[in-house]
Amino acid sequence: AIKYSNPGSPVQITTRKSAAHIEIRVTDQGIGMDQETLSRIFSLENTSTRKGTQDEKGTGLGLLICQELVQKNNGRIWALSEPLKGTRFIIELTPANQD
């Protein structure tokens, strides 16, 4: 989120817990993504990267790694985004049964 946000713009991380799940949201007001890009961000076959707002380079693998970690912990991850308006990543984890 920081990489794709303009300097000084906020990145917000919020959490919410219920009996069914734990939700983590990371929201920025950065450059955002169009629907085509958004549909490919969690796909190994279509790894791509774009430079950050300060010309930072990337491999296109960061979100795939996040997705794998989330899935290995009984969760799911998805994103909502609009070009020039920012992106929100949502992670939903189901707590392990503690019987």
PDB file of N, CA and C in Angstrom:
ATOM      1  N   ALA A   1       0.821  -1.190   0.000  1.00  0.00           N
ATOM      2  CA  ALA A   1       0.000   0.000   0.000  1.00  0.00           C
ATOM      3  C   ALA A   1       0.870   1.260   0.000  1.00  0.00           C
ATOM      4  N   ILE A   2       1.941   1.215   0.767  1.00  0.00           N
ATOM      5  CA  ILE A   2       2.827   2.387   0.823  1.00  0.00           C
ATOM      6  C   ILE A   2       3.503   2.602  -0.522  1.00  0.00           C
ATOM      7  N   LYS A   3       3.917   1.519  -1.149  1.00  0.00           N
ATOM      8  CA  LYS A   3       4.619   1.587  -2.430  1.00  0.00           C
ATOM      9  C   LYS A   3       3.771   2.267  -3.508  1.00  0.00           C
ATOM     10  N   TYR A   4       2.467   2.072  -3.462  1.00  0.00           N
ATOM     11  CA  TYR A   4       1.584   2.602  -4.497  1.00  0.00           C
ATOM     12  C   TYR A   4       0.765   3.802  -4.033  1.00  0.00           C
ATOM     13  N   SER A   5       1.196   4.428  -2.957  1.00  0.00           N
ATOM     14  CA  SER A   5       0.548   5.642  -2.460  1.00  0.00           C
ATOM     15  C   SER A   5       1.472   6.828  -2.673  1.00  0.00           C
ATOM     16  N   ASN A   6       0.881   7.963  -2.862  1.00  0.00           N
ATOM     17  CA  ASN A   6       1.676   9.177  -3.003  1.00  0.00           C
ATOM     18  C   ASN A   6       2.269   9.559  -1.646  1.00  0.00           C
ATOM     19  N   PRO A   7       3.453  10.143  -1.649  1.00  0.00           N
ATOM     20  CA  PRO A   7       4.072  10.539  -0.372  1.00  0.00           C
ATOM     21  C   PRO A   7       3.110  11.390   0.460  1.00  0.00           C
ATOM     22  N   GLY A   8       2.987  11.027   1.729  1.00  0.00           N
ATOM     23  CA  GLY A   8       2.128  11.778   2.641  1.00  0.00           C
ATOM     24  C   GLY A   8       0.684  11.336   2.665  1.00  0.00           C
ATOM     25  N   SER A   9       0.269  10.483   1.727  1.00  0.00           N
ATOM     26  CA  SER A   9      -1.128  10.045   1.754  1.00  0.00           C
ATOM     27  C   SER A   9      -1.278   8.901   2.759  1.00  0.00           C
ATOM     28  N   PRO A  10      -2.426   8.805   3.400  1.00  0.00           N
ATOM     29  CA  PRO A  10      -2.592   7.820   4.473  1.00  0.00           C
ATOM     30  C   PRO A  10      -2.758   6.389   3.968  1.00  0.00           C
ATOM     31  N   VAL A  11      -2.273   5.461   4.752  1.00  0.00           N
ATOM     32  CA  VAL A  11      -2.551   4.034   4.597  1.00  0.00           C
ATOM     33  C   VAL A  11      -3.165   3.603   5.921  1.00  0.00           C
ATOM     34  N   GLN A  12      -4.352   3.055   5.849  1.00  0.00           N
ATOM     35  CA  GLN A  12      -5.081   2.702   7.059  1.00  0.00           C
ATOM     36  C   GLN A  12      -5.160   1.181   7.197  1.00  0.00           C
ATOM     37  N   ILE A  13      -4.851   0.683   8.381  1.00  0.00           N
ATOM     38  CA  ILE A  13      -4.974  -0.734   8.694  1.00  0.00           C
ATOM     39  C   ILE A  13      -5.984  -0.862   9.824  1.00  0.00           C
ATOM     40  N   THR A  14      -7.040  -1.618   9.572  1.00  0.00           N
ATOM     41  CA  THR A  14      -8.067  -1.815  10.587  1.00  0.00           C
ATOM     42  C   THR A  14      -8.301  -3.306  10.778  1.00  0.00           C
ATOM     43  N   THR A  15      -8.769  -3.665  11.963  1.00  0.00           N
ATOM     44  CA  THR A  15      -9.102  -5.047  12.258  1.00  0.00           C
ATOM     45  C   THR A  15     -10.483  -5.105  12.886  1.00  0.00           C
ATOM     46  N   ARG A  16     -11.101  -6.245  12.695  1.00  0.00           N
ATOM     47  CA  ARG A  16     -12.412  -6.474  13.301  1.00  0.00           C
ATOM     48  C   ARG A  16     -12.513  -7.960  13.613  1.00  0.00           C
ATOM     49  N   LYS A  17     -13.002  -8.281  14.780  1.00  0.00           N
ATOM     50  CA  LYS A  17     -13.123  -9.670  15.193  1.00  0.00           C
ATOM     51  C   LYS A  17     -14.578  -9.982  15.514  1.00  0.00           C
ATOM     52  N   SER A  18     -15.022 -11.121  15.014  1.00  0.00           N
ATOM     53  CA  SER A  18     -16.351 -11.620  15.366  1.00  0.00           C
ATOM     54  C   SER A  18     -16.183 -13.073  15.782  1.00  0.00           C
ATOM     55  N   ALA A  19     -17.264 -13.709  16.143  1.00  0.00           N
ATOM     56  CA  ALA A  19     -17.183 -15.121  16.519  1.00  0.00           C
ATOM     57  C   ALA A  19     -16.778 -15.986  15.328  1.00  0.00           C
ATOM     58  N   ALA A  20     -17.119 -15.552  14.129  1.00  0.00           N
ATOM     59  CA  ALA A  20     -16.868 -16.354  12.929  1.00  0.00           C
ATOM     60  C   ALA A  20     -15.508 -16.119  12.295  1.00  0.00           C
ATOM     61  N   HIS A  21     -14.997 -14.891  12.373  1.00  0.00           N
ATOM     62  CA  HIS A  21     -13.734 -14.617  11.698  1.00  0.00           C
ATOM     63  C   HIS A  21     -13.064 -13.343  12.215  1.00  0.00           C
ATOM     64  N   ILE A  22     -11.829 -13.193  11.779  1.00  0.00           N
ATOM     65  CA  ILE A  22     -11.051 -11.984  12.028  1.00  0.00           C
ATOM     66  C   ILE A  22     -10.828 -11.340  10.669  1.00  0.00           C
ATOM     67  N   GLU A  23     -11.068 -10.053  10.591  1.00  0.00           N
ATOM     68  CA  GLU A  23     -10.907  -9.338   9.325  1.00  0.00           C
ATOM     69  C   GLU A  23      -9.842  -8.266   9.473  1.00  0.00           C
ATOM     70  N   ILE A  24      -8.944  -8.218   8.511  1.00  0.00           N
ATOM     71  CA  ILE A  24      -7.904  -7.191   8.453  1.00  0.00           C
ATOM     72  C   ILE A  24      -8.079  -6.457   7.133  1.00  0.00           C
ATOM     73  N   ARG A  25      -8.124  -5.137   7.199  1.00  0.00           N
ATOM     74  CA  ARG A  25      -8.254  -4.321   5.990  1.00  0.00           C
ATOM     75  C   ARG A  25      -7.071  -3.370   5.894  1.00  0.00           C
ATOM     76  N   VAL A  26      -6.498  -3.315   4.714  1.00  0.00           N
ATOM     77  CA  VAL A  26      -5.430  -2.360   4.424  1.00  0.00           C
ATOM     78  C   VAL A  26      -5.948  -1.481   3.290  1.00  0.00           C
ATOM     79  N   THR A  27      -6.102  -0.200   3.576  1.00  0.00           N
ATOM     80  CA  THR A  27      -6.718   0.719   2.626  1.00  0.00           C
ATOM     81  C   THR A  27      -5.770   1.872   2.345  1.00  0.00           C
ATOM     82  N   ASP A  28      -5.603   2.177   1.049  1.00  0.00           N
ATOM     83  CA  ASP A  28      -4.783   3.332   0.677  1.00  0.00           C
ATOM     84  C   ASP A  28      -5.576   4.247  -0.248  1.00  0.00           C
ATOM     85  N   GLN A  29      -5.031   5.411  -0.471  1.00  0.00           N
ATOM     86  CA  GLN A  29      -5.614   6.374  -1.398  1.00  0.00           C
ATOM     87  C   GLN A  29      -4.639   6.599  -2.542  1.00  0.00           C
ATOM     88  N   GLY A  30      -4.027   5.501  -2.980  1.00  0.00           N
ATOM     89  CA  GLY A  30      -2.972   5.561  -3.986  1.00  0.00           C
ATOM     90  C   GLY A  30      -3.481   5.525  -5.411  1.00  0.00           C
ATOM     91  N   ILE A  31      -2.651   4.941  -6.276  1.00  0.00           N
ATOM     92  CA  ILE A  31      -2.917   4.982  -7.712  1.00  0.00           C
ATOM     93  C   ILE A  31      -4.023   4.027  -8.150  1.00  0.00           C
ATOM     94  N   GLY A  32      -4.349   3.045  -7.326  1.00  0.00           N
ATOM     95  CA  GLY A  32      -5.438   2.134  -7.634  1.00  0.00           C
ATOM     96  C   GLY A  32      -5.151   1.233  -8.825  1.00  0.00           C
ATOM     97  N   MET A  33      -6.133   0.408  -9.166  1.00  0.00           N
ATOM     98  CA  MET A  33      -6.010  -0.542 -10.277  1.00  0.00           C
ATOM     99  C   MET A  33      -7.309  -0.586 -11.054  1.00  0.00           C
ATOM    100  N   ASP A  34      -7.185  -0.828 -12.367  1.00  0.00           N
ATOM    101  CA  ASP A  34      -8.385  -1.050 -13.161  1.00  0.00           C
ATOM    102  C   ASP A  34      -8.837  -2.496 -12.972  1.00  0.00           C
ATOM    103  N   GLN A  35     -10.009  -2.840 -13.488  1.00  0.00           N
ATOM    104  CA  GLN A  35     -10.566  -4.171 -13.267  1.00  0.00           C
ATOM    105  C   GLN A  35      -9.715  -5.270 -13.902  1.00  0.00           C
ATOM    106  N   GLU A  36      -9.101  -5.003 -15.032  1.00  0.00           N
ATOM    107  CA  GLU A  36      -8.240  -6.000 -15.679  1.00  0.00           C
ATOM    108  C   GLU A  36      -7.042  -6.344 -14.791  1.00  0.00           C
ATOM    109  N   THR A  37      -6.386  -5.316 -14.261  1.00  0.00           N
ATOM    110  CA  THR A  37      -5.247  -5.533 -13.369  1.00  0.00           C
ATOM    111  C   THR A  37      -5.705  -6.237 -12.103  1.00  0.00           C
ATOM    112  N   LEU A  38      -6.798  -5.801 -11.556  1.00  0.00           N
ATOM    113  CA  LEU A  38      -7.341  -6.384 -10.323  1.00  0.00           C
ATOM    114  C   LEU A  38      -7.635  -7.874 -10.499  1.00  0.00           C
ATOM    115  N   SER A  39      -8.098  -8.261 -11.675  1.00  0.00           N
ATOM    116  CA  SER A  39      -8.437  -9.672 -11.911  1.00  0.00           C
ATOM    117  C   SER A  39      -7.195 -10.560 -12.006  1.00  0.00           C
ATOM    118  N   ARG A  40      -6.005  -9.974 -12.174  1.00  0.00           N
ATOM    119  CA  ARG A  40      -4.782 -10.762 -12.338  1.00  0.00           C
ATOM    120  C   ARG A  40      -3.870 -10.764 -11.124  1.00  0.00           C
ATOM    121  N   ILE A  41      -4.124  -9.979 -10.108  1.00  0.00           N
ATOM    122  CA  ILE A  41      -3.130  -9.779  -9.051  1.00  0.00           C
ATOM    123  C   ILE A  41      -2.844 -11.018  -8.212  1.00  0.00           C
ATOM    124  N   PHE A  42      -3.756 -11.970  -8.183  1.00  0.00           N
ATOM    125  CA  PHE A  42      -3.530 -13.191  -7.407  1.00  0.00           C
ATOM    126  C   PHE A  42      -3.313 -14.406  -8.306  1.00  0.00           C
ATOM    127  N   SER A  43      -2.854 -14.193  -9.519  1.00  0.00           N
ATOM    128  CA  SER A  43      -2.671 -15.271 -10.475  1.00  0.00           C
ATOM    129  C   SER A  43      -1.194 -15.463 -10.804  1.00  0.00           C
ATOM    130  N   LEU A  44      -0.681 -16.657 -10.576  1.00  0.00           N
ATOM    131  CA  LEU A  44       0.713 -16.969 -10.864  1.00  0.00           C
ATOM    132  C   LEU A  44       0.999 -16.897 -12.359  1.00  0.00           C
ATOM    133  N   GLU A  45       0.037 -17.293 -13.179  1.00  0.00           N
ATOM    134  CA  GLU A  45       0.240 -17.280 -14.626  1.00  0.00           C
ATOM    135  C   GLU A  45       0.384 -15.865 -15.189  1.00  0.00           C
ATOM    136  N   ASN A  46      -0.144 -14.909 -14.492  1.00  0.00           N
ATOM    137  CA  ASN A  46      -0.147 -13.538 -15.000  1.00  0.00           C
ATOM    138  C   ASN A  46       0.611 -12.580 -14.096  1.00  0.00           C
ATOM    139  N   THR A  47       1.703 -13.053 -13.483  1.00  0.00           N
ATOM    140  CA  THR A  47       2.440 -12.149 -12.608  1.00  0.00           C
ATOM    141  C   THR A  47       2.947 -10.973 -13.415  1.00  0.00           C
ATOM    142  N   SER A  48       2.716  -9.837 -12.895  1.00  0.00           N
ATOM    143  CA  SER A  48       3.202  -8.612 -13.517  1.00  0.00           C
ATOM    144  C   SER A  48       3.464  -7.623 -12.399  1.00  0.00           C
ATOM    145  N   THR A  49       4.188  -6.625 -12.724  1.00  0.00           N
ATOM    146  CA  THR A  49       4.478  -5.618 -11.720  1.00  0.00           C
ATOM    147  C   THR A  49       4.435  -4.251 -12.380  1.00  0.00           C
ATOM    148  N   ARG A  50       4.214  -3.282 -11.574  1.00  0.00           N
ATOM    149  CA  ARG A  50       4.308  -1.911 -12.046  1.00  0.00           C
ATOM    150  C   ARG A  50       5.093  -1.137 -11.020  1.00  0.00           C
ATOM    151  N   LYS A  51       5.734  -0.113 -11.477  1.00  0.00           N
ATOM    152  CA  LYS A  51       6.565   0.677 -10.571  1.00  0.00           C
ATOM    153  C   LYS A  51       5.689   1.409  -9.564  1.00  0.00           C
ATOM    154  N   GLY A  52       6.260   1.590  -8.383  1.00  0.00           N
ATOM    155  CA  GLY A  52       5.573   2.349  -7.351  1.00  0.00           C
ATOM    156  C   GLY A  52       5.610   3.834  -7.651  1.00  0.00           C
ATOM    157  N   THR A  53       5.052   4.617  -6.775  1.00  0.00           N
ATOM    158  CA  THR A  53       4.976   6.062  -6.993  1.00  0.00           C
ATOM    159  C   THR A  53       6.335   6.745  -6.920  1.00  0.00           C
ATOM    160  N   GLN A  54       7.336   6.069  -6.357  1.00  0.00           N
ATOM    161  CA  GLN A  54       8.695   6.609  -6.304  1.00  0.00           C
ATOM    162  C   GLN A  54       9.632   5.789  -7.204  1.00  0.00           C
ATOM    163  N   ASP A  55       9.067   5.157  -8.233  1.00  0.00           N
ATOM    164  CA  ASP A  55       9.795   4.313  -9.191  1.00  0.00           C
ATOM    165  C   ASP A  55      10.414   3.065  -8.571  1.00  0.00           C
ATOM    166  N   GLU A  56       9.846   2.558  -7.467  1.00  0.00           N
ATOM    167  CA  GLU A  56      10.327   1.327  -6.860  1.00  0.00           C
ATOM    168  C   GLU A  56      10.020   0.160  -7.799  1.00  0.00           C
ATOM    169  N   LYS A  57      10.940  -0.789  -7.841  1.00  0.00           N
ATOM    170  CA  LYS A  57      10.745  -1.976  -8.660  1.00  0.00           C
ATOM    171  C   LYS A  57      10.111  -3.071  -7.808  1.00  0.00           C
ATOM    172  N   GLY A  58       9.504  -4.038  -8.476  1.00  0.00           N
ATOM    173  CA  GLY A  58       8.920  -5.176  -7.785  1.00  0.00           C
ATOM    174  C   GLY A  58       8.994  -6.409  -8.663  1.00  0.00           C
ATOM    175  N   THR A  59       8.649  -7.549  -8.078  1.00  0.00           N
ATOM    176  CA  THR A  59       8.676  -8.809  -8.814  1.00  0.00           C
ATOM    177  C   THR A  59       7.288  -9.276  -9.220  1.00  0.00           C
ATOM    178  N   GLY A  60       6.246  -8.726  -8.599  1.00  0.00           N
ATOM    179  CA  GLY A  60       4.893  -9.188  -8.859  1.00  0.00           C
ATOM    180  C   GLY A  60       4.512 -10.404  -8.035  1.00  0.00           C
ATOM    181  N   LEU A  61       5.363 -10.795  -7.090  1.00  0.00           N
ATOM    182  CA  LEU A  61       5.103 -11.995  -6.293  1.00  0.00           C
ATOM    183  C   LEU A  61       4.587 -11.707  -4.887  1.00  0.00           C
ATOM    184  N   GLY A  62       4.646 -10.484  -4.423  1.00  0.00           N
ATOM    185  CA  GLY A  62       4.273 -10.157  -3.049  1.00  0.00           C
ATOM    186  C   GLY A  62       2.859 -10.561  -2.682  1.00  0.00           C
ATOM    187  N   LEU A  63       1.900 -10.259  -3.545  1.00  0.00           N
ATOM    188  CA  LEU A  63       0.515 -10.600  -3.237  1.00  0.00           C
ATOM    189  C   LEU A  63       0.268 -12.099  -3.324  1.00  0.00           C
ATOM    190  N   LEU A  64       1.000 -12.784  -4.208  1.00  0.00           N
ATOM    191  CA  LEU A  64       0.878 -14.241  -4.272  1.00  0.00           C
ATOM    192  C   LEU A  64       1.363 -14.885  -2.979  1.00  0.00           C
ATOM    193  N   ILE A  65       2.443 -14.358  -2.424  1.00  0.00           N
ATOM    194  CA  ILE A  65       2.953 -14.859  -1.146  1.00  0.00           C
ATOM    195  C   ILE A  65       1.949 -14.577  -0.031  1.00  0.00           C
ATOM    196  N   CYS A  66       1.388 -13.371  -0.021  1.00  0.00           N
ATOM    197  CA  CYS A  66       0.356 -13.042   0.982  1.00  0.00           C
ATOM    198  C   CYS A  66      -0.825 -13.990   0.863  1.00  0.00           C
ATOM    199  N   GLN A  67      -1.269 -14.241  -0.370  1.00  0.00           N
ATOM    200  CA  GLN A  67      -2.410 -15.129  -0.580  1.00  0.00           C
ATOM    201  C   GLN A  67      -2.111 -16.532  -0.055  1.00  0.00           C
ATOM    202  N   GLU A  68      -0.929 -17.032  -0.324  1.00  0.00           N
ATOM    203  CA  GLU A  68      -0.581 -18.371   0.146  1.00  0.00           C
ATOM    204  C   GLU A  68      -0.560 -18.442   1.676  1.00  0.00           C
ATOM    205  N   LEU A  69       0.010 -17.439   2.314  1.00  0.00           N
ATOM    206  CA  LEU A  69       0.041 -17.418   3.778  1.00  0.00           C
ATOM    207  C   LEU A  69      -1.362 -17.348   4.366  1.00  0.00           C
ATOM    208  N   VAL A  70      -2.200 -16.522   3.771  1.00  0.00           N
ATOM    209  CA  VAL A  70      -3.576 -16.388   4.253  1.00  0.00           C
ATOM    210  C   VAL A  70      -4.319 -17.712   4.082  1.00  0.00           C
ATOM    211  N   GLN A  71      -4.195 -18.337   2.926  1.00  0.00           N
ATOM    212  CA  GLN A  71      -4.896 -19.593   2.683  1.00  0.00           C
ATOM    213  C   GLN A  71      -4.407 -20.705   3.603  1.00  0.00           C
ATOM    214  N   LYS A  72      -3.118 -20.728   3.906  1.00  0.00           N
ATOM    215  CA  LYS A  72      -2.576 -21.744   4.808  1.00  0.00           C
ATOM    216  C   LYS A  72      -3.066 -21.546   6.246  1.00  0.00           C
ATOM    217  N   ASN A  73      -3.644 -20.389   6.507  1.00  0.00           N
ATOM    218  CA  ASN A  73      -4.180 -20.094   7.831  1.00  0.00           C
ATOM    219  C   ASN A  73      -5.707 -19.986   7.803  1.00  0.00           C
ATOM    220  N   ASN A  74      -6.313 -20.804   6.963  1.00  0.00           N
ATOM    221  CA  ASN A  74      -7.782 -20.892   6.871  1.00  0.00           C
ATOM    222  C   ASN A  74      -8.440 -19.562   6.513  1.00  0.00           C
ATOM    223  N   GLY A  75      -7.855 -18.828   5.609  1.00  0.00           N
ATOM    224  CA  GLY A  75      -8.419 -17.535   5.264  1.00  0.00           C
ATOM    225  C   GLY A  75      -8.539 -17.303   3.780  1.00  0.00           C
ATOM    226  N   ARG A  76      -8.959 -16.108   3.466  1.00  0.00           N
ATOM    227  CA  ARG A  76      -9.047 -15.671   2.075  1.00  0.00           C
ATOM    228  C   ARG A  76      -8.665 -14.204   2.012  1.00  0.00           C
ATOM    229  N   ILE A  77      -8.236 -13.782   0.835  1.00  0.00           N
ATOM    230  CA  ILE A  77      -7.834 -12.399   0.616  1.00  0.00           C
ATOM    231  C   ILE A  77      -8.406 -11.941  -0.718  1.00  0.00           C
ATOM    232  N   TRP A  78      -8.839 -10.703  -0.762  1.00  0.00           N
ATOM    233  CA  TRP A  78      -9.318 -10.123  -2.010  1.00  0.00           C
ATOM    234  C   TRP A  78      -9.095  -8.626  -1.965  1.00  0.00           C
ATOM    235  N   ALA A  79      -9.325  -7.984  -3.100  1.00  0.00           N
ATOM    236  CA  ALA A  79      -9.077  -6.548  -3.185  1.00  0.00           C
ATOM    237  C   ALA A  79     -10.209  -5.852  -3.921  1.00  0.00           C
ATOM    238  N   LEU A  80     -10.409  -4.608  -3.548  1.00  0.00           N
ATOM    239  CA  LEU A  80     -11.326  -3.695  -4.218  1.00  0.00           C
ATOM    240  C   LEU A  80     -10.506  -2.483  -4.611  1.00  0.00           C
ATOM    241  N   SER A  81     -10.707  -1.978  -5.819  1.00  0.00           N
ATOM    242  CA  SER A  81      -9.871  -0.868  -6.245  1.00  0.00           C
ATOM    243  C   SER A  81     -10.514  -0.081  -7.370  1.00  0.00           C
ATOM    244  N   GLU A  82     -10.107   1.174  -7.481  1.00  0.00           N
ATOM    245  CA  GLU A  82     -10.484   2.035  -8.593  1.00  0.00           C
ATOM    246  C   GLU A  82      -9.262   2.857  -8.972  1.00  0.00           C
ATOM    247  N   PRO A  83      -8.996   2.992 -10.269  1.00  0.00           N
ATOM    248  CA  PRO A  83      -7.856   3.817 -10.680  1.00  0.00           C
ATOM    249  C   PRO A  83      -7.937   5.223 -10.086  1.00  0.00           C
ATOM    250  N   LEU A  84      -6.819   5.680  -9.594  1.00  0.00           N
ATOM    251  CA  LEU A  84      -6.640   7.016  -9.012  1.00  0.00           C
ATOM    252  C   LEU A  84      -7.417   7.249  -7.722  1.00  0.00           C
ATOM    253  N   LYS A  85      -8.089   6.224  -7.195  1.00  0.00           N
ATOM    254  CA  LYS A  85      -8.848   6.387  -5.951  1.00  0.00           C
ATOM    255  C   LYS A  85      -8.331   5.501  -4.828  1.00  0.00           C
ATOM    256  N   GLY A  86      -7.470   4.541  -5.167  1.00  0.00           N
ATOM    257  CA  GLY A  86      -6.902   3.704  -4.123  1.00  0.00           C
ATOM    258  C   GLY A  86      -7.385   2.275  -4.157  1.00  0.00           C
ATOM    259  N   THR A  87      -6.880   1.520  -3.184  1.00  0.00           N
ATOM    260  CA  THR A  87      -7.143   0.089  -3.126  1.00  0.00           C
ATOM    261  C   THR A  87      -7.400  -0.327  -1.677  1.00  0.00           C
ATOM    262  N   ARG A  88      -8.258  -1.314  -1.519  1.00  0.00           N
ATOM    263  CA  ARG A  88      -8.510  -1.912  -0.208  1.00  0.00           C
ATOM    264  C   ARG A  88      -8.289  -3.410  -0.340  1.00  0.00           C
ATOM    265  N   PHE A  89      -7.375  -3.933   0.471  1.00  0.00           N
ATOM    266  CA  PHE A  89      -7.165  -5.371   0.566  1.00  0.00           C
ATOM    267  C   PHE A  89      -7.853  -5.855   1.826  1.00  0.00           C
ATOM    268  N   ILE A  90      -8.587  -6.941   1.697  1.00  0.00           N
ATOM    269  CA  ILE A  90      -9.329  -7.499   2.819  1.00  0.00           C
ATOM    270  C   ILE A  90      -8.844  -8.925   3.048  1.00  0.00           C
ATOM    271  N   ILE A  91      -8.447  -9.197   4.269  1.00  0.00           N
ATOM    272  CA  ILE A  91      -8.024 -10.539   4.674  1.00  0.00           C
ATOM    273  C   ILE A  91      -9.019 -11.017   5.713  1.00  0.00           C
ATOM    274  N   GLU A  92      -9.556 -12.192   5.479  1.00  0.00           N
ATOM    275  CA  GLU A  92     -10.523 -12.778   6.405  1.00  0.00           C
ATOM    276  C   GLU A  92      -9.949 -14.114   6.877  1.00  0.00           C
ATOM    277  N   LEU A  93      -9.749 -14.234   8.178  1.00  0.00           N
ATOM    278  CA  LEU A  93      -9.209 -15.450   8.775  1.00  0.00           C
ATOM    279  C   LEU A  93     -10.247 -16.086   9.677  1.00  0.00           C
ATOM    280  N   THR A  94     -10.338 -17.404   9.595  1.00  0.00           N
ATOM    281  CA  THR A  94     -11.243 -18.151  10.464  1.00  0.00           C
ATOM    282  C   THR A  94     -10.401 -18.726  11.592  1.00  0.00           C
ATOM    283  N   PRO A  95     -10.687 -18.336  12.822  1.00  0.00           N
ATOM    284  CA  PRO A  95      -9.896 -18.857  13.943  1.00  0.00           C
ATOM    285  C   PRO A  95      -9.994 -20.372  14.025  1.00  0.00           C
ATOM    286  N   ALA A  96      -8.880 -20.989  14.407  1.00  0.00           N
ATOM    287  CA  ALA A  96      -8.866 -22.434  14.597  1.00  0.00           C
ATOM    288  C   ALA A  96      -9.757 -22.794  15.770  1.00  0.00           C
ATOM    289  N   ASN A  97     -10.374 -23.948  15.686  1.00  0.00           N
ATOM    290  CA  ASN A  97     -11.228 -24.436  16.767  1.00  0.00           C
ATOM    291  C   ASN A  97     -10.365 -24.674  18.004  1.00  0.00           C
ATOM    292  N   GLN A  98     -10.732 -24.082  19.128  1.00  0.00           N
ATOM    293  CA  GLN A  98      -9.925 -24.172  20.342  1.00  0.00           C
ATOM    294  C   GLN A  98     -10.577 -25.041  21.400  1.00  0.00           C
ATOM    295  N   ASP A  99     -11.184 -26.160  20.977  1.00  0.00           N
ATOM    296  CA  ASP A  99     -11.823 -27.082  21.931  1.00  0.00           C
ATOM    297  C   ASP A  99     -10.802 -27.788  22.772  1.00  0.00           C
TER     298      ASP A  99
END
